């Protein structure tokens, strides 16, 4: 996720973590994203509290991993849906097309 403009959006998933498990879960996620205390600086991503809109229209605060460097030169995913974009790109790379 890159927070380059107010009009940007990213499609994702939101999980509620029980407070008893928070420390363990966030440590594992930080390790996965390469931004734990044990990872070399500068980290590619940083964990940041962002505003998120649920499908119901309700707004919540949520932690997100945000690109921690300039997005200059990177292609914007206008739909905000990285997984769909990746699936299409990989299909095209393998010569697959949709009908």
C-alpha atoms as a PDB file:
ATOM      1  CA  UNK A   1       0.000   0.000   0.000  1.00  0.00           C
ATOM      2  CA  UNK A   2       1.236   3.483  -0.821  1.00  0.00           C
ATOM      3  CA  UNK A   3      -0.365   6.549   0.708  1.00  0.00           C
ATOM      4  CA  UNK A   4       0.451   8.967  -2.081  1.00  0.00           C
ATOM      5  CA  UNK A   5      -2.878  10.744  -2.413  1.00  0.00           C
ATOM      6  CA  UNK A   6      -6.202  11.247  -0.680  1.00  0.00           C
ATOM      7  CA  UNK A   7      -8.038   9.708  -3.647  1.00  0.00           C
ATOM      8  CA  UNK A   8      -6.137   6.411  -3.453  1.00  0.00           C
ATOM      9  CA  UNK A   9      -7.761   3.261  -2.184  1.00  0.00           C
ATOM     10  CA  UNK A  10      -6.620  -0.302  -1.635  1.00  0.00           C
ATOM     11  CA  UNK A  11      -8.794  -3.380  -1.529  1.00  0.00           C
ATOM     12  CA  UNK A  12      -7.868  -5.681   1.318  1.00  0.00           C
ATOM     13  CA  UNK A  13      -9.009  -7.751   4.230  1.00  0.00           C
ATOM     14  CA  UNK A  14      -9.536  -6.692   7.834  1.00  0.00           C
ATOM     15  CA  UNK A  15      -9.165  -9.075  10.743  1.00  0.00           C
ATOM     16  CA  UNK A  16     -10.061  -8.493  14.351  1.00  0.00           C
ATOM     17  CA  UNK A  17      -7.406  -9.836  16.714  1.00  0.00           C
ATOM     18  CA  UNK A  18      -8.214 -10.639  20.325  1.00  0.00           C
ATOM     19  CA  UNK A  19      -6.109  -8.415  22.628  1.00  0.00           C
ATOM     20  CA  UNK A  20      -4.625 -11.493  24.282  1.00  0.00           C
ATOM     21  CA  UNK A  21      -3.083 -12.524  20.924  1.00  0.00           C
ATOM     22  CA  UNK A  22      -2.192  -9.046  19.634  1.00  0.00           C
ATOM     23  CA  UNK A  23       1.520  -9.040  20.542  1.00  0.00           C
ATOM     24  CA  UNK A  24       2.181 -12.456  19.014  1.00  0.00           C
ATOM     25  CA  UNK A  25       0.168 -11.765  15.839  1.00  0.00           C
ATOM     26  CA  UNK A  26       1.675  -8.335  15.186  1.00  0.00           C
ATOM     27  CA  UNK A  27       5.218  -9.669  15.725  1.00  0.00           C
ATOM     28  CA  UNK A  28       4.592 -12.416  13.155  1.00  0.00           C
ATOM     29  CA  UNK A  29       3.078  -9.956  10.666  1.00  0.00           C
ATOM     30  CA  UNK A  30       5.969  -7.506  11.127  1.00  0.00           C
ATOM     31  CA  UNK A  31       8.419 -10.355  10.460  1.00  0.00           C
ATOM     32  CA  UNK A  32       6.488 -11.412   7.354  1.00  0.00           C
ATOM     33  CA  UNK A  33       6.436  -7.832   6.018  1.00  0.00           C
ATOM     34  CA  UNK A  34      10.136  -7.354   6.806  1.00  0.00           C
ATOM     35  CA  UNK A  35       9.683  -4.519   9.278  1.00  0.00           C
ATOM     36  CA  UNK A  36      10.413  -6.127  12.631  1.00  0.00           C
ATOM     37  CA  UNK A  37      13.100  -4.863  14.990  1.00  0.00           C
ATOM     38  CA  UNK A  38      15.333  -7.667  13.671  1.00  0.00           C
ATOM     39  CA  UNK A  39      15.092  -6.623  10.012  1.00  0.00           C
ATOM     40  CA  UNK A  40      17.733  -4.310   8.538  1.00  0.00           C
ATOM     41  CA  UNK A  41      16.790  -0.663   8.022  1.00  0.00           C
ATOM     42  CA  UNK A  42      15.411   0.931   6.005  1.00  0.00           C
ATOM     43  CA  UNK A  43      12.366  -1.305   5.918  1.00  0.00           C
ATOM     44  CA  UNK A  44      10.451  -1.604   2.652  1.00  0.00           C
ATOM     45  CA  UNK A  45       7.165  -1.236   4.571  1.00  0.00           C
ATOM     46  CA  UNK A  46       6.026   0.398   7.776  1.00  0.00           C
ATOM     47  CA  UNK A  47       2.983  -0.431   9.871  1.00  0.00           C
ATOM     48  CA  UNK A  48       0.621   2.535  10.044  1.00  0.00           C
ATOM     49  CA  UNK A  49      -2.845   3.176  11.432  1.00  0.00           C
ATOM     50  CA  UNK A  50      -5.172   4.019   8.519  1.00  0.00           C
ATOM     51  CA  UNK A  51      -8.861   4.695   8.011  1.00  0.00           C
ATOM     52  CA  UNK A  52     -10.715   1.820   6.352  1.00  0.00           C
ATOM     53  CA  UNK A  53     -14.220   1.530   4.982  1.00  0.00           C
ATOM     54  CA  UNK A  54     -16.020  -1.788   5.396  1.00  0.00           C
ATOM     55  CA  UNK A  55     -18.432  -3.117   2.724  1.00  0.00           C
ATOM     56  CA  UNK A  56     -21.268  -2.008   5.022  1.00  0.00           C
ATOM     57  CA  UNK A  57     -20.035   1.585   4.709  1.00  0.00           C
ATOM     58  CA  UNK A  58     -18.858   1.658   8.339  1.00  0.00           C
ATOM     59  CA  UNK A  59     -15.474   3.321   8.940  1.00  0.00           C
ATOM     60  CA  UNK A  60     -12.847   1.779  11.201  1.00  0.00           C
ATOM     61  CA  UNK A  61      -9.221   2.378  12.076  1.00  0.00           C
ATOM     62  CA  UNK A  62      -6.991  -0.466  10.917  1.00  0.00           C
ATOM     63  CA  UNK A  63      -3.293  -1.235  10.857  1.00  0.00           C
ATOM     64  CA  UNK A  64      -1.826  -1.482   7.353  1.00  0.00           C
ATOM     65  CA  UNK A  65       1.628  -2.048   5.923  1.00  0.00           C
ATOM     66  CA  UNK A  66       2.491   1.006   3.843  1.00  0.00           C
ATOM     67  CA  UNK A  67       5.330   1.409   1.353  1.00  0.00           C
ATOM     68  CA  UNK A  68       8.170   3.150   3.191  1.00  0.00           C
ATOM     69  CA  UNK A  69       9.856   4.638   0.124  1.00  0.00           C
ATOM     70  CA  UNK A  70       8.993   6.734  -2.878  1.00  0.00           C
ATOM     71  CA  UNK A  71       6.474   5.176  -5.243  1.00  0.00           C
ATOM     72  CA  UNK A  72       7.977   7.229  -8.084  1.00  0.00           C
ATOM     73  CA  UNK A  73       8.409   5.047 -11.147  1.00  0.00           C
ATOM     74  CA  UNK A  74       6.106   2.307  -9.889  1.00  0.00           C
ATOM     75  CA  UNK A  75       2.905   1.536 -11.767  1.00  0.00           C
ATOM     76  CA  UNK A  76      -0.262   2.539  -9.924  1.00  0.00           C
ATOM     77  CA  UNK A  77      -2.931  -0.113  -9.582  1.00  0.00           C
ATOM     78  CA  UNK A  78      -5.946   2.094 -10.296  1.00  0.00           C
ATOM     79  CA  UNK A  79      -8.460  -0.480  -9.050  1.00  0.00           C
ATOM     80  CA  UNK A  80      -6.635  -0.772  -5.717  1.00  0.00           C
ATOM     81  CA  UNK A  81      -6.952  -4.564  -6.035  1.00  0.00           C
ATOM     82  CA  UNK A  82      -3.403  -5.937  -6.086  1.00  0.00           C
ATOM     83  CA  UNK A  83      -4.399  -9.612  -6.090  1.00  0.00           C
ATOM     84  CA  UNK A  84      -6.714  -9.268  -9.100  1.00  0.00           C
ATOM     85  CA  UNK A  85      -4.109  -7.197 -10.925  1.00  0.00           C
ATOM     86  CA  UNK A  86      -1.447  -9.795 -10.206  1.00  0.00           C
ATOM     87  CA  UNK A  87      -3.672 -12.654 -11.397  1.00  0.00           C
ATOM     88  CA  UNK A  88      -4.362 -10.852 -14.684  1.00  0.00           C
ATOM     89  CA  UNK A  89      -0.673 -10.010 -15.184  1.00  0.00           C
ATOM     90  CA  UNK A  90       0.406 -13.600 -14.543  1.00  0.00           C
ATOM     91  CA  UNK A  91      -2.282 -14.934 -16.896  1.00  0.00           C
ATOM     92  CA  UNK A  92      -1.080 -12.642 -19.671  1.00  0.00           C
ATOM     93  CA  UNK A  93       2.546 -13.633 -19.034  1.00  0.00           C
ATOM     94  CA  UNK A  94       1.552 -17.270 -19.591  1.00  0.00           C
ATOM     95  CA  UNK A  95      -0.417 -16.492 -22.753  1.00  0.00           C
ATOM     96  CA  UNK A  96      -3.839 -16.917 -21.168  1.00  0.00           C
ATOM     97  CA  UNK A  97      -6.690 -14.617 -22.159  1.00  0.00           C
ATOM     98  CA  UNK A  98     -10.259 -14.257 -21.011  1.00  0.00           C
ATOM     99  CA  UNK A  99     -13.307 -14.596 -23.266  1.00  0.00           C
END
